[in-house]
Amino acid sequence: MITHKLSRRSFAASAAGAAATLTAFQATNVLGANQRIRLGFIGVGNRGMQLLDAFLKHDDIEVAAVCDVFRPYLDRAVQRLNGKPAAYVDFRKLIERKDIDAVVISTPDHWHAIQTIDACNAGKDVYVEKPLSITIREGRAMVEAAQRNRRVVQVGTHRRSSALYGQLAELIAAGKIGKVTVSRAYRLSNMAPSGIGRQQPEDPPPDLDCVLWLGRRPQQ
C-alpha cells in the first residue's frame, strides 16, 4: 500500500509539451472567454524553470503558486514571476488550495507517484516529468487515481510531441531511408550543480529542507 502520510520519522522525498497539456486541461475545465488556467508548480529547479518558461508563453494560464524544498530555487521562481505567486516549501499546502486547477511536477523521481496521486485526489490535473514512476506498482496506482478522479495526467515525454521526431518516424515508416537495422544514441548531461563524479558526503545546506527532499527514501 502506498502511504501519503509524511513525517520526520518516516523520512529519517517544453513548449510543445506545455501546449499539449494546456489543451488537455482545457478539455476538462471548460473556460470562459476571460478565464485562465491557474497552475501550481511543484519543483522549480533546472527542469522546473524550463517548464515554467514554456507555460508562460501561453496567454490562457496564470501561475498561482510555486513550491520547492530548496529556498534559492523557490526565491528565483518568485522573482521570475515578479513576486506574484504564493511560495511553499511543502507541496501539500499548494495542492490543498481550491483555486488551483492543475499542477506541474518537476521533482526528483521518487516523488512523482506521491505528488501525482495526491494532486489527482485533490481534484487537480497534472503534468508530471518523466519517469512517471520508479516502480510498476506506483505507476498503476497513479493511473487508478487519475481514472477514479477523472483527471488529465500527462507525462513529459516531450520528444513524442516534437514535429521533427514525428517527421523522422514517418520517413522510417514509409521506407524513405531504406531498412533501418541499427540506431545509436548518446547523451551526456553534465548540468550544474550535479556535474560528473562522486561528491564527498556532507551536511545538507541550511536552506534545503532535507526531510521533504528525501521523502520515503533511505537516509544514505
N, C-alpha and C. Protein backbone atom coordinates (compact mmCIF):
# COMPACT_ATOMS: atom_id res chain seq x y z
N MET A 1 0.84 -1.19 0.00
CA MET A 1 0.00 0.00 0.00
C MET A 1 0.88 1.24 0.00
N ILE A 2 0.54 2.19 -0.85
CA ILE A 2 1.29 3.44 -0.89
C ILE A 2 0.69 4.40 0.12
N THR A 3 1.50 4.90 1.01
CA THR A 3 1.02 5.84 2.01
C THR A 3 1.49 7.24 1.68
N HIS A 4 0.66 8.22 2.00
CA HIS A 4 0.97 9.60 1.67
C HIS A 4 1.23 10.42 2.93
N LYS A 5 1.23 9.75 4.07
CA LYS A 5 1.48 10.46 5.31
C LYS A 5 2.97 10.69 5.47
N LEU A 6 3.36 11.92 5.65
CA LEU A 6 4.77 12.27 5.72
C LEU A 6 5.12 12.70 7.14
N SER A 7 6.26 12.21 7.63
CA SER A 7 6.71 12.63 8.95
C SER A 7 8.23 12.59 8.98
N ARG A 8 8.83 13.30 9.92
CA ARG A 8 10.28 13.28 10.04
C ARG A 8 10.77 11.87 10.36
N ARG A 9 10.04 11.14 11.12
CA ARG A 9 10.47 9.79 11.48
C ARG A 9 10.42 8.88 10.25
N SER A 10 9.34 8.93 9.49
CA SER A 10 9.24 8.06 8.33
C SER A 10 10.17 8.48 7.20
N PHE A 11 10.60 9.75 7.20
CA PHE A 11 11.53 10.19 6.16
C PHE A 11 12.96 9.85 6.54
N ALA A 12 13.24 10.06 8.23
CA ALA A 12 14.60 9.99 8.91
C ALA A 12 15.74 9.41 8.11
N ALA A 13 11.47 12.73 0.97
CA ALA A 13 11.10 12.99 -0.59
C ALA A 13 11.62 14.13 -1.60
N SER A 14 8.64 21.87 -21.78
CA SER A 14 8.95 22.27 -23.21
C SER A 14 7.77 22.91 -23.87
N ALA A 15 7.95 23.67 -24.60
CA ALA A 15 6.80 24.43 -25.10
C ALA A 15 5.78 23.53 -25.79
N ALA A 16 6.24 22.52 -26.51
CA ALA A 16 5.30 21.65 -27.22
C ALA A 16 4.53 20.81 -26.22
N GLY A 17 5.24 20.31 -25.24
CA GLY A 17 4.56 19.53 -24.23
C GLY A 17 3.60 20.39 -23.43
N ALA A 18 3.99 21.61 -23.14
CA ALA A 18 3.12 22.52 -22.40
C ALA A 18 1.86 22.81 -23.19
N ALA A 19 2.00 23.01 -24.48
CA ALA A 19 0.83 23.30 -25.31
C ALA A 19 -0.13 22.13 -25.31
N ALA A 20 0.40 20.91 -25.43
CA ALA A 20 -0.45 19.74 -25.42
C ALA A 20 -1.17 19.59 -24.09
N THR A 21 -0.47 19.87 -23.01
CA THR A 21 -1.06 19.77 -21.69
C THR A 21 -2.16 20.80 -21.50
N LEU A 22 -1.93 22.01 -21.96
CA LEU A 22 -2.94 23.05 -21.83
C LEU A 22 -4.21 22.66 -22.56
N THR A 23 -4.08 22.05 -23.74
CA THR A 23 -5.24 21.62 -24.49
C THR A 23 -6.03 20.59 -23.70
N ALA A 24 -5.32 19.67 -23.07
CA ALA A 24 -5.99 18.65 -22.26
C ALA A 24 -6.66 19.27 -21.05
N PHE A 25 -5.99 20.19 -20.37
CA PHE A 25 -6.57 20.85 -19.21
C PHE A 25 -7.85 21.58 -19.60
N GLN A 26 -7.83 22.24 -20.75
CA GLN A 26 -8.98 23.00 -21.19
C GLN A 26 -10.17 22.09 -21.46
N ALA A 27 -9.89 20.85 -21.86
CA ALA A 27 -10.97 19.92 -22.16
C ALA A 27 -11.76 19.55 -20.91
N THR A 28 -11.09 19.48 -19.76
CA THR A 28 -11.77 19.11 -18.53
C THR A 28 -12.21 20.31 -17.71
N ASN A 29 -11.63 21.46 -17.98
CA ASN A 29 -12.00 22.68 -17.29
C ASN A 29 -12.46 23.69 -18.34
N VAL A 30 -13.74 23.63 -18.69
CA VAL A 30 -14.25 24.48 -19.75
C VAL A 30 -14.13 25.94 -19.32
N LEU A 31 -13.42 26.71 -20.12
CA LEU A 31 -13.10 28.08 -19.76
C LEU A 31 -13.98 29.07 -20.48
N GLY A 32 -14.32 30.13 -19.79
CA GLY A 32 -14.99 31.25 -20.42
C GLY A 32 -13.97 32.10 -21.16
N ALA A 33 -14.46 33.13 -21.85
CA ALA A 33 -13.59 33.95 -22.69
C ALA A 33 -12.49 34.63 -21.88
N ASN A 34 -12.78 34.98 -20.64
CA ASN A 34 -11.81 35.73 -19.84
C ASN A 34 -11.17 34.89 -18.73
N GLN A 35 -11.38 33.58 -18.75
CA GLN A 35 -10.84 32.71 -17.72
C GLN A 35 -9.48 32.16 -18.13
N ARG A 36 -8.66 31.89 -17.11
CA ARG A 36 -7.34 31.31 -17.36
C ARG A 36 -7.12 30.13 -16.42
N ILE A 37 -6.31 29.20 -16.86
CA ILE A 37 -5.98 28.03 -16.05
C ILE A 37 -4.98 28.45 -14.98
N ARG A 38 -5.32 28.18 -13.73
CA ARG A 38 -4.45 28.55 -12.62
C ARG A 38 -3.56 27.35 -12.28
N LEU A 39 -2.25 27.56 -12.42
CA LEU A 39 -1.28 26.48 -12.25
C LEU A 39 -0.48 26.62 -10.97
N GLY A 40 -0.09 25.48 -10.43
CA GLY A 40 0.87 25.43 -9.34
C GLY A 40 2.07 24.61 -9.78
N PHE A 41 3.26 25.11 -9.57
CA PHE A 41 4.49 24.42 -9.98
C PHE A 41 5.15 23.79 -8.76
N ILE A 42 5.30 22.48 -8.78
CA ILE A 42 5.94 21.74 -7.70
C ILE A 42 7.31 21.30 -8.18
N GLY A 43 8.34 21.98 -7.68
CA GLY A 43 9.70 21.75 -8.17
C GLY A 43 10.06 22.78 -9.22
N VAL A 44 10.92 23.73 -8.85
CA VAL A 44 11.31 24.79 -9.79
C VAL A 44 12.83 24.89 -9.88
N GLY A 45 13.47 23.71 -9.98
CA GLY A 45 14.91 23.67 -10.23
C GLY A 45 15.19 23.86 -11.71
N ASN A 46 16.19 23.17 -12.23
CA ASN A 46 16.57 23.35 -13.63
C ASN A 46 15.42 23.04 -14.59
N ARG A 47 14.87 21.83 -14.50
CA ARG A 47 13.77 21.45 -15.39
C ARG A 47 12.50 22.21 -15.07
N GLY A 48 12.24 22.44 -13.81
CA GLY A 48 11.04 23.17 -13.44
C GLY A 48 11.00 24.57 -14.03
N MET A 49 12.13 25.25 -14.05
CA MET A 49 12.18 26.59 -14.62
C MET A 49 12.02 26.56 -16.13
N GLN A 50 12.53 25.51 -16.78
CA GLN A 50 12.31 25.36 -18.22
C GLN A 50 10.83 25.22 -18.53
N LEU A 51 10.14 24.41 -17.76
CA LEU A 51 8.71 24.24 -17.96
C LEU A 51 7.94 25.52 -17.64
N LEU A 52 8.37 26.20 -16.59
CA LEU A 52 7.72 27.46 -16.23
C LEU A 52 7.79 28.44 -17.39
N ASP A 53 8.96 28.59 -17.98
CA ASP A 53 9.12 29.50 -19.11
C ASP A 53 8.28 29.05 -20.30
N ALA A 54 8.15 27.73 -20.50
CA ALA A 54 7.34 27.22 -21.61
C ALA A 54 5.87 27.55 -21.41
N PHE A 55 5.36 27.35 -20.21
CA PHE A 55 3.95 27.65 -19.94
C PHE A 55 3.67 29.14 -20.01
N LEU A 56 4.63 29.96 -19.61
CA LEU A 56 4.41 31.41 -19.61
C LEU A 56 4.23 31.98 -21.00
N LYS A 57 4.53 31.21 -22.03
CA LYS A 57 4.33 31.68 -23.40
C LYS A 57 2.86 31.67 -23.80
N HIS A 58 2.02 31.09 -22.95
CA HIS A 58 0.60 30.98 -23.26
C HIS A 58 -0.20 32.00 -22.45
N ASP A 59 -1.12 32.65 -23.13
CA ASP A 59 -1.91 33.71 -22.50
C ASP A 59 -3.02 33.18 -21.61
N ASP A 60 -3.37 31.91 -21.76
CA ASP A 60 -4.53 31.38 -21.03
C ASP A 60 -4.14 30.65 -19.75
N ILE A 61 -2.97 30.97 -19.19
CA ILE A 61 -2.59 30.38 -17.91
C ILE A 61 -2.17 31.49 -16.94
N GLU A 62 -2.26 31.15 -15.67
CA GLU A 62 -1.79 32.03 -14.60
C GLU A 62 -1.07 31.16 -13.57
N VAL A 63 0.12 31.53 -13.19
CA VAL A 63 0.86 30.79 -12.17
C VAL A 63 0.45 31.32 -10.80
N ALA A 64 -0.30 30.51 -10.08
CA ALA A 64 -0.83 30.94 -8.79
C ALA A 64 0.11 30.63 -7.63
N ALA A 65 0.95 29.60 -7.79
CA ALA A 65 1.81 29.20 -6.68
C ALA A 65 3.00 28.40 -7.19
N VAL A 66 4.10 28.47 -6.45
CA VAL A 66 5.29 27.68 -6.75
C VAL A 66 5.76 27.01 -5.47
N CYS A 67 6.46 25.88 -5.63
CA CYS A 67 6.90 25.12 -4.46
C CYS A 67 8.26 24.49 -4.73
N ASP A 68 9.14 24.55 -3.75
CA ASP A 68 10.42 23.85 -3.84
C ASP A 68 11.00 23.72 -2.43
N VAL A 69 11.71 22.63 -2.21
CA VAL A 69 12.31 22.41 -0.89
C VAL A 69 13.64 23.13 -0.74
N PHE A 70 14.16 23.69 -1.85
CA PHE A 70 15.43 24.42 -1.83
C PHE A 70 15.12 25.90 -1.97
N ARG A 71 15.36 26.65 -0.92
CA ARG A 71 14.91 28.04 -0.86
C ARG A 71 15.45 28.90 -2.00
N PRO A 72 16.72 28.78 -2.40
CA PRO A 72 17.19 29.60 -3.52
C PRO A 72 16.40 29.38 -4.81
N TYR A 73 16.02 28.13 -5.09
CA TYR A 73 15.20 27.86 -6.28
C TYR A 73 13.83 28.50 -6.14
N LEU A 74 13.26 28.39 -4.94
CA LEU A 74 11.94 28.97 -4.70
C LEU A 74 11.97 30.48 -4.88
N ASP A 75 12.97 31.12 -4.30
CA ASP A 75 13.08 32.58 -4.43
C ASP A 75 13.30 33.00 -5.88
N ARG A 76 14.07 32.20 -6.62
CA ARG A 76 14.32 32.52 -8.03
C ARG A 76 13.03 32.48 -8.85
N ALA A 77 12.19 31.48 -8.58
CA ALA A 77 10.93 31.37 -9.31
C ALA A 77 10.00 32.53 -8.99
N VAL A 78 9.93 32.90 -7.72
CA VAL A 78 9.08 34.03 -7.32
C VAL A 78 9.56 35.31 -7.99
N GLN A 79 10.87 35.49 -8.03
CA GLN A 79 11.44 36.67 -8.69
C GLN A 79 11.14 36.66 -10.19
N ARG A 80 11.21 35.48 -10.80
CA ARG A 80 10.91 35.36 -12.23
C ARG A 80 9.48 35.78 -12.52
N LEU A 81 8.60 35.60 -11.56
CA LEU A 81 7.18 35.94 -11.72
C LEU A 81 6.84 37.25 -11.04
N ASN A 82 7.85 38.08 -10.82
CA ASN A 82 7.66 39.42 -10.26
C ASN A 82 6.98 39.40 -8.89
N GLY A 83 7.25 38.35 -8.12
CA GLY A 83 6.73 38.28 -6.77
C GLY A 83 5.25 38.01 -6.65
N LYS A 84 4.61 37.61 -7.73
CA LYS A 84 3.15 37.45 -7.72
C LYS A 84 2.65 36.15 -7.07
N PRO A 85 3.28 35.00 -7.34
CA PRO A 85 2.69 33.76 -6.82
C PRO A 85 2.99 33.52 -5.35
N ALA A 86 2.14 32.71 -4.73
CA ALA A 86 2.42 32.24 -3.38
C ALA A 86 3.57 31.24 -3.45
N ALA A 87 4.36 31.15 -2.39
CA ALA A 87 5.53 30.26 -2.37
C ALA A 87 5.42 29.28 -1.21
N TYR A 88 5.68 28.00 -1.49
CA TYR A 88 5.58 26.96 -0.47
C TYR A 88 6.81 26.06 -0.51
N VAL A 89 7.20 25.56 0.65
CA VAL A 89 8.22 24.53 0.74
C VAL A 89 7.56 23.15 0.72
N ASP A 90 6.41 23.02 1.34
CA ASP A 90 5.66 21.76 1.42
C ASP A 90 4.60 21.72 0.31
N PHE A 91 4.72 20.75 -0.59
CA PHE A 91 3.80 20.68 -1.73
C PHE A 91 2.36 20.46 -1.31
N ARG A 92 2.13 19.86 -0.15
CA ARG A 92 0.77 19.59 0.29
C ARG A 92 -0.02 20.86 0.52
N LYS A 93 0.66 21.92 0.94
CA LYS A 93 -0.02 23.20 1.14
C LYS A 93 -0.46 23.79 -0.20
N LEU A 94 0.30 23.50 -1.25
CA LEU A 94 -0.06 24.00 -2.57
C LEU A 94 -1.28 23.27 -3.12
N ILE A 95 -1.26 21.94 -3.06
CA ILE A 95 -2.35 21.20 -3.70
C ILE A 95 -3.66 21.26 -2.92
N GLU A 96 -3.61 21.69 -1.66
CA GLU A 96 -4.87 21.79 -0.92
C GLU A 96 -5.64 23.06 -1.27
N ARG A 97 -5.02 23.95 -2.04
CA ARG A 97 -5.70 25.18 -2.45
C ARG A 97 -6.78 24.88 -3.48
N LYS A 98 -7.98 25.37 -3.23
CA LYS A 98 -9.12 25.10 -4.11
C LYS A 98 -9.07 25.92 -5.39
N ASP A 99 -8.28 26.98 -5.41
CA ASP A 99 -8.27 27.87 -6.58
C ASP A 99 -7.23 27.46 -7.62
N ILE A 100 -6.54 26.36 -7.43
CA ILE A 100 -5.55 25.89 -8.40
C ILE A 100 -6.16 24.76 -9.22
N ASP A 101 -6.10 24.90 -10.54
CA ASP A 101 -6.72 23.93 -11.45
C ASP A 101 -5.81 22.74 -11.76
N ALA A 102 -4.52 22.99 -11.88
CA ALA A 102 -3.60 21.94 -12.31
C ALA A 102 -2.21 22.21 -11.74
N VAL A 103 -1.42 21.14 -11.66
CA VAL A 103 -0.05 21.28 -11.15
C VAL A 103 0.94 20.74 -12.16
N VAL A 104 2.14 21.30 -12.12
CA VAL A 104 3.26 20.86 -12.95
C VAL A 104 4.33 20.33 -12.01
N ILE A 105 4.65 19.05 -12.12
CA ILE A 105 5.55 18.38 -11.18
C ILE A 105 6.90 18.12 -11.82
N SER A 106 7.94 18.74 -11.27
CA SER A 106 9.31 18.55 -11.76
C SER A 106 10.24 18.31 -10.58
N THR A 107 9.91 17.30 -9.82
CA THR A 107 10.65 16.97 -8.60
C THR A 107 11.51 15.73 -8.83
N PRO A 108 12.35 15.33 -7.85
CA PRO A 108 13.09 14.08 -8.00
C PRO A 108 12.16 12.90 -8.28
N ASP A 109 12.67 11.90 -8.99
CA ASP A 109 11.84 10.80 -9.48
C ASP A 109 11.02 10.12 -8.40
N HIS A 110 11.59 9.97 -7.21
CA HIS A 110 10.90 9.22 -6.17
C HIS A 110 9.68 9.94 -5.61
N TRP A 111 9.49 11.20 -5.99
CA TRP A 111 8.34 11.97 -5.53
C TRP A 111 7.18 11.94 -6.53
N HIS A 112 7.41 11.54 -7.76
CA HIS A 112 6.39 11.68 -8.80
C HIS A 112 5.08 10.98 -8.46
N ALA A 113 5.16 9.75 -7.96
CA ALA A 113 3.93 9.00 -7.69
C ALA A 113 3.11 9.64 -6.58
N ILE A 114 3.74 9.93 -5.46
CA ILE A 114 3.01 10.51 -4.33
C ILE A 114 2.36 11.83 -4.71
N GLN A 115 3.11 12.70 -5.35
CA GLN A 115 2.59 14.03 -5.66
C GLN A 115 1.50 13.97 -6.73
N THR A 116 1.65 13.08 -7.71
CA THR A 116 0.61 12.95 -8.74
C THR A 116 -0.67 12.40 -8.14
N ILE A 117 -0.57 11.37 -7.33
CA ILE A 117 -1.76 10.78 -6.71
C ILE A 117 -2.45 11.79 -5.79
N ASP A 118 -1.67 12.47 -4.97
CA ASP A 118 -2.25 13.47 -4.07
C ASP A 118 -2.92 14.60 -4.85
N ALA A 119 -2.31 15.02 -5.95
CA ALA A 119 -2.89 16.09 -6.77
C ALA A 119 -4.19 15.63 -7.40
N CYS A 120 -4.22 14.42 -7.93
CA CYS A 120 -5.46 13.88 -8.50
C CYS A 120 -6.56 13.80 -7.45
N ASN A 121 -6.20 13.32 -6.26
CA ASN A 121 -7.19 13.22 -5.18
C ASN A 121 -7.70 14.58 -4.75
N ALA A 122 -6.89 15.62 -4.98
CA ALA A 122 -7.30 16.99 -4.64
C ALA A 122 -8.03 17.67 -5.80
N GLY A 123 -8.29 16.92 -6.88
CA GLY A 123 -9.05 17.48 -7.99
C GLY A 123 -8.24 18.28 -8.99
N LYS A 124 -6.92 18.08 -9.00
CA LYS A 124 -6.06 18.81 -9.94
C LYS A 124 -5.70 17.94 -11.14
N ASP A 125 -5.62 18.55 -12.32
CA ASP A 125 -4.99 17.91 -13.45
C ASP A 125 -3.48 18.02 -13.27
N VAL A 126 -2.73 17.16 -13.97
CA VAL A 126 -1.30 17.04 -13.68
C VAL A 126 -0.46 16.93 -14.96
N TYR A 127 0.62 17.70 -15.00
CA TYR A 127 1.73 17.45 -15.93
C TYR A 127 2.89 17.02 -15.05
N VAL A 128 3.39 15.80 -15.28
CA VAL A 128 4.47 15.28 -14.44
C VAL A 128 5.64 14.87 -15.34
N GLU A 129 6.84 15.22 -14.90
CA GLU A 129 8.02 14.90 -15.69
C GLU A 129 8.29 13.39 -15.68
N LYS A 130 8.98 12.94 -16.72
CA LYS A 130 9.40 11.54 -16.77
C LYS A 130 10.56 11.31 -15.80
N PRO A 131 10.71 10.11 -15.29
CA PRO A 131 9.84 8.96 -15.46
C PRO A 131 8.56 9.10 -14.64
N LEU A 132 7.49 8.52 -15.14
CA LEU A 132 6.22 8.61 -14.43
C LEU A 132 6.35 8.08 -13.01
N SER A 133 7.01 6.96 -12.86
CA SER A 133 7.18 6.35 -11.53
C SER A 133 8.48 5.56 -11.54
N ILE A 134 8.85 5.04 -10.38
CA ILE A 134 10.06 4.22 -10.31
C ILE A 134 9.74 2.74 -10.09
N THR A 135 8.45 2.41 -9.94
CA THR A 135 8.03 1.01 -9.87
C THR A 135 6.73 0.85 -10.65
N ILE A 136 6.48 -0.38 -11.11
CA ILE A 136 5.23 -0.67 -11.81
C ILE A 136 4.04 -0.46 -10.88
N ARG A 137 4.20 -0.85 -9.64
CA ARG A 137 3.11 -0.72 -8.67
C ARG A 137 2.71 0.74 -8.49
N GLU A 138 3.71 1.62 -8.39
CA GLU A 138 3.40 3.05 -8.28
C GLU A 138 2.68 3.55 -9.52
N GLY A 139 3.16 3.14 -10.70
CA GLY A 139 2.54 3.58 -11.95
C GLY A 139 1.08 3.18 -12.03
N ARG A 140 0.77 1.97 -11.63
CA ARG A 140 -0.62 1.51 -11.65
C ARG A 140 -1.48 2.31 -10.67
N ALA A 141 -0.91 2.62 -9.53
CA ALA A 141 -1.65 3.42 -8.54
C ALA A 141 -1.92 4.82 -9.08
N MET A 142 -0.98 5.37 -9.83
CA MET A 142 -1.17 6.70 -10.42
C MET A 142 -2.27 6.69 -11.47
N VAL A 143 -2.28 5.66 -12.32
CA VAL A 143 -3.33 5.53 -13.33
C VAL A 143 -4.69 5.40 -12.66
N GLU A 144 -4.75 4.58 -11.63
CA GLU A 144 -6.02 4.38 -10.92
C GLU A 144 -6.52 5.68 -10.30
N ALA A 145 -5.61 6.47 -9.72
CA ALA A 145 -6.00 7.74 -9.11
C ALA A 145 -6.51 8.72 -10.16
N ALA A 146 -5.86 8.76 -11.31
CA ALA A 146 -6.30 9.65 -12.38
C ALA A 146 -7.67 9.25 -12.90
N GLN A 147 -7.90 7.95 -13.08
CA GLN A 147 -9.18 7.48 -13.58
C GLN A 147 -10.29 7.67 -12.55
N ARG A 148 -10.00 7.36 -11.31
CA ARG A 148 -11.01 7.48 -10.25
C ARG A 148 -11.47 8.92 -10.07
N ASN A 149 -10.54 9.85 -10.20
CA ASN A 149 -10.86 11.27 -10.01
C ASN A 149 -11.16 12.00 -11.31
N ARG A 150 -11.15 11.25 -12.44
CA ARG A 150 -11.43 11.83 -13.76
C ARG A 150 -10.52 13.02 -14.03
N ARG A 151 -9.23 12.80 -13.83
CA ARG A 151 -8.22 13.85 -14.03
C ARG A 151 -7.41 13.58 -15.30
N VAL A 152 -6.92 14.65 -15.89
CA VAL A 152 -5.98 14.56 -17.01
C VAL A 152 -4.56 14.52 -16.43
N VAL A 153 -3.80 13.51 -16.81
CA VAL A 153 -2.40 13.41 -16.39
C VAL A 153 -1.54 13.20 -17.63
N GLN A 154 -0.60 14.09 -17.85
CA GLN A 154 0.32 13.94 -18.98
C GLN A 154 1.74 13.78 -18.46
N VAL A 155 2.45 12.81 -19.03
CA VAL A 155 3.85 12.60 -18.69
C VAL A 155 4.71 13.38 -19.68
N GLY A 156 5.74 14.05 -19.17
CA GLY A 156 6.54 14.94 -20.00
C GLY A 156 7.54 14.25 -20.91
N THR A 157 7.07 13.33 -21.74
CA THR A 157 7.94 12.74 -22.77
C THR A 157 7.89 13.67 -23.98
N HIS A 158 8.55 14.81 -23.86
CA HIS A 158 8.36 15.89 -24.83
C HIS A 158 8.87 15.54 -26.22
N ARG A 159 9.79 14.59 -26.37
CA ARG A 159 10.24 14.21 -27.71
C ARG A 159 9.09 13.61 -28.52
N ARG A 160 8.12 13.00 -27.83
CA ARG A 160 6.98 12.42 -28.53
C ARG A 160 6.08 13.50 -29.11
N SER A 161 6.22 14.73 -28.65
CA SER A 161 5.42 15.85 -29.15
C SER A 161 6.18 16.68 -30.17
N SER A 162 7.42 16.33 -30.46
CA SER A 162 8.26 17.11 -31.36
C SER A 162 7.91 16.83 -32.81
N ALA A 163 7.70 17.89 -33.59
CA ALA A 163 7.39 17.74 -35.01
C ALA A 163 8.54 17.07 -35.76
N LEU A 164 9.78 17.41 -35.38
CA LEU A 164 10.94 16.82 -36.03
C LEU A 164 10.97 15.31 -35.87
N TYR A 165 10.78 14.83 -34.65
CA TYR A 165 10.81 13.39 -34.42
C TYR A 165 9.63 12.70 -35.08
N GLY A 166 8.50 13.38 -35.16
CA GLY A 166 7.35 12.84 -35.87
C GLY A 166 7.63 12.65 -37.35
N GLN A 167 8.30 13.63 -37.94
CA GLN A 167 8.66 13.54 -39.36
C GLN A 167 9.65 12.41 -39.60
N LEU A 168 10.61 12.25 -38.70
CA LEU A 168 11.57 11.16 -38.84
C LEU A 168 10.88 9.80 -38.76
N ALA A 169 9.93 9.67 -37.85
CA ALA A 169 9.19 8.42 -37.72
C ALA A 169 8.40 8.11 -38.99
N GLU A 170 7.82 9.15 -39.60
CA GLU A 170 7.08 8.96 -40.84
C GLU A 170 8.00 8.53 -41.98
N LEU A 171 9.19 9.12 -42.05
CA LEU A 171 10.15 8.75 -43.09
C LEU A 171 10.57 7.29 -42.96
N ILE A 172 10.81 6.86 -41.73
CA ILE A 172 11.21 5.48 -41.50
C ILE A 172 10.07 4.53 -41.85
N ALA A 173 8.85 4.86 -41.41
CA ALA A 173 7.69 4.00 -41.67
C ALA A 173 7.41 3.89 -43.17
N ALA A 174 7.68 4.96 -43.91
CA ALA A 174 7.44 4.96 -45.36
C ALA A 174 8.59 4.34 -46.15
N GLY A 175 9.65 3.94 -45.46
CA GLY A 175 10.79 3.34 -46.13
C GLY A 175 11.63 4.32 -46.92
N LYS A 176 11.53 5.60 -46.61
CA LYS A 176 12.24 6.63 -47.38
C LYS A 176 13.76 6.57 -47.20
N ILE A 177 14.20 6.02 -46.08
CA ILE A 177 15.65 5.97 -45.85
C ILE A 177 16.17 4.54 -45.88
N GLY A 178 15.36 3.65 -46.44
CA GLY A 178 15.77 2.26 -46.52
C GLY A 178 15.47 1.50 -45.24
N LYS A 179 15.97 0.29 -45.15
CA LYS A 179 15.73 -0.54 -43.98
C LYS A 179 16.65 -0.12 -42.84
N VAL A 180 16.05 0.22 -41.72
CA VAL A 180 16.82 0.62 -40.54
C VAL A 180 17.21 -0.63 -39.76
N THR A 181 18.50 -0.84 -39.61
CA THR A 181 18.98 -2.05 -38.93
C THR A 181 19.59 -1.76 -37.57
N VAL A 182 20.05 -0.53 -37.36
CA VAL A 182 20.64 -0.20 -36.07
C VAL A 182 20.51 1.30 -35.83
N SER A 183 20.34 1.66 -34.59
CA SER A 183 20.27 3.07 -34.21
C SER A 183 21.09 3.26 -32.94
N ARG A 184 21.94 4.27 -32.94
CA ARG A 184 22.77 4.55 -31.77
C ARG A 184 22.48 5.96 -31.28
N ALA A 185 22.43 6.11 -29.98
CA ALA A 185 22.19 7.43 -29.39
C ALA A 185 23.10 7.60 -28.19
N TYR A 186 23.49 8.83 -27.94
CA TYR A 186 24.38 9.11 -26.81
C TYR A 186 24.09 10.52 -26.32
N ARG A 187 24.01 10.65 -25.02
CA ARG A 187 23.80 11.98 -24.45
C ARG A 187 24.49 12.08 -23.11
N LEU A 188 25.25 13.13 -22.93
CA LEU A 188 25.90 13.39 -21.65
C LEU A 188 25.31 14.66 -21.07
N SER A 189 24.65 14.52 -19.95
CA SER A 189 24.02 15.68 -19.31
C SER A 189 24.87 16.10 -18.12
N ASN A 190 25.80 16.98 -18.36
CA ASN A 190 26.71 17.44 -17.31
C ASN A 190 26.24 18.81 -16.81
N MET A 191 25.04 18.81 -16.24
CA MET A 191 24.46 20.08 -15.80
C MET A 191 24.83 20.38 -14.36
N ALA A 192 25.07 21.65 -14.10
CA ALA A 192 25.29 22.09 -12.72
C ALA A 192 23.95 22.02 -11.97
N PRO A 193 23.96 21.71 -10.69
CA PRO A 193 25.16 21.54 -9.86
C PRO A 193 25.63 20.09 -9.75
N SER A 194 25.02 19.19 -10.54
CA SER A 194 25.34 17.77 -10.40
C SER A 194 26.76 17.44 -10.84
N GLY A 195 27.10 17.82 -12.09
CA GLY A 195 28.44 17.57 -12.59
C GLY A 195 28.71 16.09 -12.77
N ILE A 196 29.98 15.73 -12.84
CA ILE A 196 30.40 14.35 -13.03
C ILE A 196 31.25 13.92 -11.85
N GLY A 197 31.07 12.67 -11.44
CA GLY A 197 31.90 12.14 -10.37
C GLY A 197 31.12 12.02 -9.07
N ARG A 198 31.73 11.42 -8.11
CA ARG A 198 31.10 11.19 -6.81
C ARG A 198 31.58 12.24 -5.81
N GLN A 199 30.62 13.00 -5.29
CA GLN A 199 30.97 14.01 -4.31
C GLN A 199 31.07 13.39 -2.92
N GLN A 200 31.87 13.98 -2.09
CA GLN A 200 32.01 13.51 -0.72
C GLN A 200 30.76 13.86 0.08
N PRO A 201 30.30 12.94 0.95
CA PRO A 201 29.13 13.24 1.78
C PRO A 201 29.38 14.46 2.66
N GLU A 202 28.35 15.25 2.81
CA GLU A 202 28.46 16.44 3.66
C GLU A 202 27.08 16.79 4.18
N ASP A 203 27.02 17.65 5.16
CA ASP A 203 25.73 18.06 5.71
C ASP A 203 24.94 18.84 4.67
N PRO A 204 23.60 18.67 4.65
CA PRO A 204 22.79 19.43 3.69
C PRO A 204 22.85 20.92 3.99
N PRO A 205 22.73 21.75 2.98
CA PRO A 205 22.76 23.20 3.21
C PRO A 205 21.58 23.64 4.07
N PRO A 206 21.72 24.71 4.81
CA PRO A 206 20.65 25.14 5.73
C PRO A 206 19.38 25.59 5.01
N ASP A 207 19.49 25.96 3.73
CA ASP A 207 18.30 26.42 3.01
C ASP A 207 17.65 25.30 2.20
N LEU A 208 17.99 24.04 2.50
CA LEU A 208 17.34 22.87 1.90
C LEU A 208 16.58 22.11 2.97
N ASP A 209 15.29 21.85 2.73
CA ASP A 209 14.52 21.00 3.63
C ASP A 209 14.81 19.56 3.25
N CYS A 210 15.82 18.98 3.88
CA CYS A 210 16.29 17.65 3.50
C CYS A 210 15.24 16.58 3.77
N VAL A 211 14.45 16.76 4.80
CA VAL A 211 13.41 15.79 5.13
C VAL A 211 12.39 15.70 4.00
N LEU A 212 11.94 16.86 3.51
CA LEU A 212 10.98 16.86 2.42
C LEU A 212 11.63 16.44 1.10
N TRP A 213 12.91 16.66 0.94
CA TRP A 213 13.58 16.23 -0.29
C TRP A 213 13.67 14.70 -0.34
N LEU A 214 14.02 14.09 0.79
CA LEU A 214 14.20 12.65 0.82
C LEU A 214 12.89 11.90 0.68
N GLY A 215 11.84 12.40 1.30
CA GLY A 215 10.59 11.67 1.28
C GLY A 215 10.76 10.32 1.96
N ARG A 216 10.35 9.26 1.28
CA ARG A 216 10.45 7.91 1.86
C ARG A 216 11.76 7.22 1.52
N ARG A 217 12.68 7.93 0.88
CA ARG A 217 13.95 7.32 0.51
C ARG A 217 14.84 7.14 1.74
N PRO A 218 15.74 6.16 1.70
CA PRO A 218 16.61 5.92 2.87
C PRO A 218 17.61 7.06 3.06
N GLN A 219 17.99 7.27 4.30
CA GLN A 219 18.97 8.31 4.62
C GLN A 219 20.37 7.77 4.38
N GLN A 220 20.86 7.94 3.17
CA GLN A 220 22.21 7.48 2.85
C GLN A 220 22.75 8.28 1.68
